[in-house]
Amino acid sequence: MDMDQLRAFDEIVRQGSFSRAAERLSITQPSISVRIQRLEDQLGGALFQRSSRRMELTELGQRFLPYARQALEVMASGLQMAKLTRSGEQGRLTLGVLPTLTTGRLPVAIQRLQRQHPALSFTVHTGHNPQVQEMLRGGFVQLGLLNLPADGPHFRVLQRFEDPLVLVASRGHPAASLARLTPEDLQDLLTPFLRIDWSWDVRNWQSAHVPVQPGDLEVPPMLALDLLRQTSCVALMPEPWVRSDLRAGHLVQLHVRDLMLPTWVWGVCVLQHQNLTLWQEHFVELMQDL
C-alpha cells in the first residue's frame, strides 16, 4: 500500500468517477484503475460497486475512507513540517547550557531567534561541563554552551567568547569607598565574597588571590547579582552583566593595583562532524552579535 493508491481512492470518491479523478491527478485512466485494483487486493475486497451506474462505495470502502484520508492528512502535515524544517521556519533547537550561561547573552539570543522563526521550539538543559559534553555526545542536545577548552577531540567550537570579569562591590560595602586596592587588601576587604563557579581558571584565581573567609557564599550568578544589589558584598562578574548597575551607581567597580583579573572563556560547541541547521547557524550568529 502506498500514498499514490490512497490519493487515487480519495480522488475517485471526491470526483465521482475514475476518469475525472485520473484527469485531476494527471494520470491515465488505466493507471488509476491499476492503483485501485492493487489497493483492493491488499485490503481483500472491493472498494466500489462497479455494477452500479453511479460510483458508490462498498461497505469496505465506506469504512476504509476515513482511515485513508487520515493517512493522507498525516503525510501532508509531515511533508509540510519537513519543508518548514529545511527552510528554518519550524523545528526545535535543543541546548545544553552551563548554569552560569543561562543569563547574559542566551535569553536575548533566544528572544531574537523566536522573532525570526516564530514556530521554532526551544529546549534548554543545564549541567556542568562534563554533563553538557555528554549531552552532545549522546545526541540529547544539538548545541552546547560550555567552558573552554572542551575535553577531547570530539567537539568543534563554533564561537568563542572571552568575557573579562570585573571586581564589583555593593554601593554600601566598605571597599566601595577606596579608589584603588592592592593585592594585599583583597583578603581583608573583600568580605563577604560571593564565589561563583565561572570556570576552573576563575576558580583557581579566586583561590589564589581571595582566600576563603568566614561568611563567604558559593552562589549561582543571578543570586549573586541580586545579593550585590540588595546587600553588602563583593563578587567577580562579567562586565556586560553589571554595566547598567555601574552606570546607575548601584554597584561600584573595584580596581586592584598590579593585578590582572581573570577572563571567563567559553563557547558554543557541536560534535566535530555535525552539520548545522539554518536556525542553529542563526543562533550562533545572534550570540556572536550580542
Protein backbone atom coordinates (compact mmCIF):
# COMPACT_ATOMS: atom_id res chain seq x y z
CA MET A 1 0.00 0.00 0.00
CA ASP A 2 1.38 3.41 -0.95
CA MET A 3 0.26 7.03 -0.87
CA ASP A 4 -0.48 7.10 -4.62
CA GLN A 5 -3.09 4.38 -4.13
CA LEU A 6 -4.68 6.27 -1.26
CA ARG A 7 -4.71 9.52 -3.27
CA ALA A 8 -6.37 7.72 -6.17
CA PHE A 9 -9.04 6.25 -3.89
CA ASP A 10 -9.74 9.61 -2.23
CA GLU A 11 -9.88 11.48 -5.53
CA ILE A 12 -12.28 8.99 -7.11
CA VAL A 13 -14.65 9.44 -4.18
CA ARG A 14 -14.39 13.24 -4.46
CA GLN A 15 -14.83 13.38 -8.24
CA GLY A 16 -17.40 10.61 -8.54
CA SER A 17 -15.67 8.85 -11.43
CA PHE A 18 -12.41 7.18 -12.41
CA SER A 19 -11.94 9.38 -15.48
CA ARG A 20 -12.34 12.71 -13.69
CA ALA A 21 -10.09 11.53 -10.84
CA ALA A 22 -7.42 10.42 -13.33
CA GLU A 23 -7.57 13.80 -15.05
CA ARG A 24 -7.31 15.55 -11.70
CA LEU A 25 -4.22 13.51 -10.78
CA SER A 26 -2.71 13.95 -14.27
CA ILE A 27 -2.54 10.21 -14.93
CA THR A 28 -4.31 7.89 -17.39
CA GLN A 29 -7.50 6.05 -16.54
CA PRO A 30 -5.80 2.63 -16.85
CA SER A 31 -3.16 3.81 -14.34
CA ILE A 32 -5.71 4.86 -11.76
CA SER A 33 -7.60 1.59 -12.28
CA VAL A 34 -4.39 -0.36 -11.59
CA ARG A 35 -3.81 1.61 -8.38
CA ILE A 36 -7.30 0.85 -7.10
CA GLN A 37 -7.02 -2.82 -8.07
CA ARG A 38 -3.76 -3.17 -6.12
CA LEU A 39 -5.26 -1.38 -3.13
CA GLU A 40 -8.28 -3.68 -3.20
CA ASP A 41 -6.01 -6.72 -3.43
CA GLN A 42 -4.21 -5.60 -0.28
CA LEU A 43 -7.46 -4.88 1.56
CA GLY A 44 -9.04 -8.15 0.45
CA GLY A 45 -12.20 -6.73 -1.08
CA ALA A 46 -13.77 -4.25 -3.48
CA LEU A 47 -13.94 -0.56 -2.60
CA PHE A 48 -16.50 0.41 -5.24
CA GLN A 49 -19.69 -1.18 -6.52
CA ARG A 50 -18.77 -1.45 -10.18
CA SER A 51 -22.15 -2.73 -11.31
CA SER A 52 -23.83 0.48 -10.26
CA ARG A 53 -24.32 3.29 -12.76
CA ARG A 54 -23.19 5.74 -10.12
CA MET A 55 -19.85 5.39 -8.38
CA GLU A 56 -20.75 4.10 -4.93
CA LEU A 57 -18.61 2.80 -2.12
CA THR A 58 -18.97 -0.70 -0.79
CA GLU A 59 -19.22 -1.19 2.96
CA LEU A 60 -15.48 -1.84 2.98
CA GLY A 61 -14.91 1.38 1.03
CA GLN A 62 -17.05 3.39 3.44
CA ARG A 63 -15.21 2.04 6.45
CA PHE A 64 -11.76 2.45 4.91
CA LEU A 65 -12.27 6.00 3.57
CA PRO A 66 -11.73 7.92 6.86
CA TYR A 67 -8.52 5.97 7.52
CA ALA A 68 -7.23 6.69 4.04
CA ARG A 69 -7.95 10.39 4.42
CA GLN A 70 -6.37 10.47 7.86
CA ALA A 71 -3.22 8.88 6.43
CA LEU A 72 -3.13 11.45 3.64
CA GLU A 73 -3.56 14.31 6.12
CA VAL A 74 -0.79 12.98 8.36
CA MET A 75 1.54 12.61 5.39
CA ALA A 76 0.72 16.12 4.18
CA SER A 77 1.45 17.50 7.64
CA GLY A 78 4.71 15.59 7.75
CA LEU A 79 5.80 16.90 4.36
CA GLN A 80 4.90 20.45 5.37
CA MET A 81 6.88 20.06 8.59
CA ALA A 82 9.89 18.79 6.63
CA LYS A 83 9.66 21.73 4.24
CA LEU A 84 9.47 24.24 7.09
CA THR A 85 12.29 22.50 8.90
CA ARG A 86 14.57 22.70 5.85
CA SER A 87 13.76 26.38 5.43
CA GLY A 88 14.33 27.04 9.13
CA GLU A 89 10.74 28.21 9.67
CA GLN A 90 9.86 25.38 12.02
CA GLY A 91 11.76 22.95 14.16
CA ARG A 92 13.35 22.51 17.56
CA LEU A 93 16.58 23.84 18.97
CA THR A 94 17.92 21.91 21.97
CA LEU A 95 20.70 23.42 24.02
CA GLY A 96 22.92 22.10 26.78
CA VAL A 97 23.97 25.06 28.90
CA LEU A 98 26.10 25.72 31.95
CA PRO A 99 24.07 27.29 34.79
CA THR A 100 26.35 30.34 34.58
CA LEU A 101 25.37 30.81 30.91
CA THR A 102 21.59 30.78 31.34
CA THR A 103 21.70 34.56 31.73
CA GLY A 104 23.52 37.23 29.78
CA ARG A 105 23.58 36.62 26.03
CA LEU A 106 21.43 33.47 25.95
CA PRO A 107 17.97 34.93 26.78
CA VAL A 108 18.49 37.78 24.32
CA ALA A 109 19.59 35.39 21.55
CA ILE A 110 16.58 33.12 22.13
CA GLN A 111 14.20 36.09 22.11
CA ARG A 112 15.58 37.40 18.81
CA LEU A 113 15.62 33.96 17.21
CA GLN A 114 11.98 33.44 18.18
CA ARG A 115 11.09 36.67 16.41
CA GLN A 116 12.81 35.41 13.26
CA HIS A 117 11.34 31.89 13.50
CA PRO A 118 8.05 32.05 15.44
CA ALA A 119 7.38 28.31 15.01
CA LEU A 120 10.77 27.30 16.39
CA SER A 121 10.62 25.47 19.72
CA PHE A 122 13.38 25.63 22.33
CA THR A 123 14.53 23.16 24.95
CA VAL A 124 17.31 24.17 27.34
CA HIS A 125 19.00 21.62 29.61
CA THR A 126 21.53 22.69 32.21
CA GLY A 127 24.55 20.88 33.57
CA HIS A 128 28.22 21.26 34.34
CA ASN A 129 30.86 20.94 31.62
CA PRO A 130 31.13 17.11 31.67
CA GLN A 131 27.35 16.77 31.65
CA VAL A 132 26.88 19.16 28.71
CA GLN A 133 29.59 17.34 26.77
CA GLU A 134 27.86 14.02 27.45
CA MET A 135 24.56 15.53 26.25
CA LEU A 136 26.27 16.44 22.97
CA ARG A 137 27.86 13.01 22.56
CA GLY A 138 24.55 11.27 23.20
CA GLY A 139 22.61 13.47 20.77
CA PHE A 140 20.46 14.74 23.61
CA VAL A 141 21.20 18.37 22.65
CA GLN A 142 22.24 19.99 19.38
CA LEU A 143 24.44 22.78 20.71
CA GLY A 144 26.44 23.08 23.90
CA LEU A 145 27.34 26.29 25.72
CA LEU A 146 30.28 25.38 27.93
CA ASN A 147 33.62 26.47 29.29
CA LEU A 148 36.65 26.13 27.05
CA PRO A 149 38.69 24.20 26.33
CA ALA A 150 36.28 21.31 25.89
CA ASP A 151 37.65 17.90 26.77
CA GLY A 152 38.76 15.64 23.93
CA PRO A 153 38.73 15.90 20.14
CA HIS A 154 35.02 15.24 19.76
CA PHE A 155 33.87 18.86 19.76
CA ARG A 156 34.06 21.78 17.36
CA VAL A 157 33.94 25.33 18.70
CA LEU A 158 31.54 27.41 16.59
CA GLN A 159 32.02 30.62 18.53
CA ARG A 160 34.50 31.50 21.26
CA PHE A 161 33.82 34.18 23.86
CA GLU A 162 36.24 35.84 26.23
CA ASP A 163 34.35 37.83 28.85
CA PRO A 164 36.53 39.97 31.12
CA LEU A 165 35.48 39.74 34.74
CA VAL A 166 35.37 42.86 36.89
CA LEU A 167 35.51 43.09 40.65
CA VAL A 168 32.36 44.82 41.90
CA ALA A 169 31.04 45.73 45.33
CA SER A 170 27.68 46.77 46.64
CA ARG A 171 27.34 50.53 46.98
CA GLY A 172 27.45 50.37 50.78
CA HIS A 173 30.37 47.97 51.06
CA PRO A 174 33.49 49.35 52.85
CA ALA A 175 35.72 48.64 49.84
CA ALA A 176 33.48 50.77 47.58
CA SER A 177 34.91 53.98 49.03
CA LEU A 178 38.51 53.11 48.14
CA ALA A 179 39.90 54.49 44.90
CA ARG A 180 42.26 51.57 44.37
CA LEU A 181 43.12 48.39 46.21
CA THR A 182 46.37 46.50 46.49
CA PRO A 183 46.57 42.71 46.16
CA GLU A 184 47.23 42.60 49.89
CA ASP A 185 43.89 44.29 50.56
CA LEU A 186 41.86 41.53 48.96
CA GLN A 187 41.95 39.09 51.84
CA ASP A 188 40.87 41.66 54.43
CA LEU A 189 38.47 43.87 52.49
CA LEU A 190 36.59 41.54 50.13
CA THR A 191 34.23 40.05 52.68
CA PRO A 192 31.74 38.65 52.30
CA PHE A 193 32.90 37.42 48.88
CA LEU A 194 30.45 35.71 46.53
CA ARG A 195 32.13 32.69 44.96
CA ILE A 196 30.64 31.94 41.55
CA ASP A 197 31.75 28.88 39.60
CA TRP A 198 32.54 30.63 36.33
CA SER A 199 35.28 28.17 35.29
CA TRP A 200 38.26 26.23 36.61
CA ASP A 201 40.61 29.08 35.70
CA VAL A 202 38.49 31.64 37.54
CA ARG A 203 38.10 29.32 40.50
CA ASN A 204 41.89 28.92 40.70
CA TRP A 205 42.33 32.70 40.52
CA GLN A 206 39.87 33.20 43.36
CA SER A 207 41.62 30.57 45.49
CA ALA A 208 44.99 32.22 44.90
CA HIS A 209 44.01 35.86 45.43
CA VAL A 210 40.85 35.81 47.55
CA PRO A 211 41.25 33.02 50.12
CA VAL A 212 38.07 31.63 51.61
CA GLN A 213 36.90 33.60 54.63
CA PRO A 214 34.11 33.01 57.15
CA GLY A 215 30.93 34.49 55.72
CA ASP A 216 31.76 33.83 52.05
CA LEU A 217 28.96 32.39 49.94
CA GLU A 218 29.01 30.00 46.97
CA VAL A 219 26.06 31.08 44.83
CA PRO A 220 24.80 30.96 41.21
CA PRO A 221 25.20 34.09 39.07
CA MET A 222 21.70 35.54 39.26
CA LEU A 223 21.54 35.13 43.02
CA ALA A 224 24.94 36.81 43.23
CA LEU A 225 23.64 39.74 41.21
CA ASP A 226 20.61 40.11 43.47
CA LEU A 227 22.79 39.92 46.58
CA LEU A 228 25.12 42.58 45.20
CA ARG A 229 22.16 44.89 44.64
CA GLN A 230 20.40 44.22 47.93
CA THR A 231 23.12 43.53 50.50
CA SER A 232 26.78 44.43 51.10
CA CYS A 233 29.20 42.06 49.36
CA VAL A 234 31.80 41.68 46.60
CA ALA A 235 32.00 39.42 43.53
CA LEU A 236 33.67 38.84 40.19
CA MET A 237 31.10 39.46 37.44
CA PRO A 238 31.19 39.75 33.63
CA GLU A 239 31.30 43.44 32.78
CA PRO A 240 28.23 43.38 30.47
CA TRP A 241 26.13 41.88 33.27
CA VAL A 242 26.77 44.77 35.64
CA ARG A 243 27.24 47.62 33.18
CA SER A 244 23.86 49.22 33.82
CA ASP A 245 24.23 48.84 37.61
CA LEU A 246 27.66 50.51 37.48
CA ARG A 247 26.30 53.41 35.45
CA ALA A 248 23.35 53.82 37.81
CA GLY A 249 25.62 53.76 40.85
CA HIS A 250 24.02 50.66 42.35
CA LEU A 251 27.37 48.87 42.19
CA VAL A 252 30.96 50.10 42.33
CA GLN A 253 33.84 48.66 40.32
CA LEU A 254 36.93 47.93 42.41
CA HIS A 255 40.34 48.49 40.85
CA VAL A 256 43.28 46.45 42.09
CA ARG A 257 46.80 47.78 41.54
CA ASP A 258 49.23 45.47 39.69
CA LEU A 259 46.83 42.57 39.47
CA MET A 260 45.29 41.20 36.28
CA LEU A 261 41.74 39.95 36.78
CA PRO A 262 40.69 36.67 35.15
CA THR A 263 38.81 36.25 31.89
CA TRP A 264 35.92 33.84 31.53
CA VAL A 265 36.44 31.80 28.35
CA TRP A 266 33.50 29.82 26.99
CA GLY A 267 31.97 28.90 23.68
CA VAL A 268 29.21 27.38 21.59
CA CYS A 269 30.16 23.83 20.61
CA VAL A 270 28.88 20.95 18.50
CA LEU A 271 30.11 17.47 17.73
CA GLN A 272 33.10 17.51 15.41
CA HIS A 273 31.33 16.35 12.23
CA GLN A 274 27.83 17.68 12.95
CA ASN A 275 26.08 19.62 10.19
CA LEU A 276 24.22 22.75 11.28
CA THR A 277 20.61 23.56 10.51
CA LEU A 278 19.62 27.03 9.42
CA TRP A 279 18.32 28.08 12.85
CA GLN A 280 21.41 26.68 14.58
CA GLU A 281 23.53 28.91 12.34
CA HIS A 282 21.27 31.86 13.13
CA PHE A 283 21.56 31.18 16.85
CA VAL A 284 25.37 31.24 16.68
CA GLU A 285 25.30 34.45 14.63
CA LEU A 286 22.99 36.10 17.15
CA MET A 287 25.20 35.05 20.05
CA GLN A 288 28.20 36.49 18.23
CA ASP A 289 26.49 39.84 17.63
CA LEU A 290 25.50 40.40 21.27
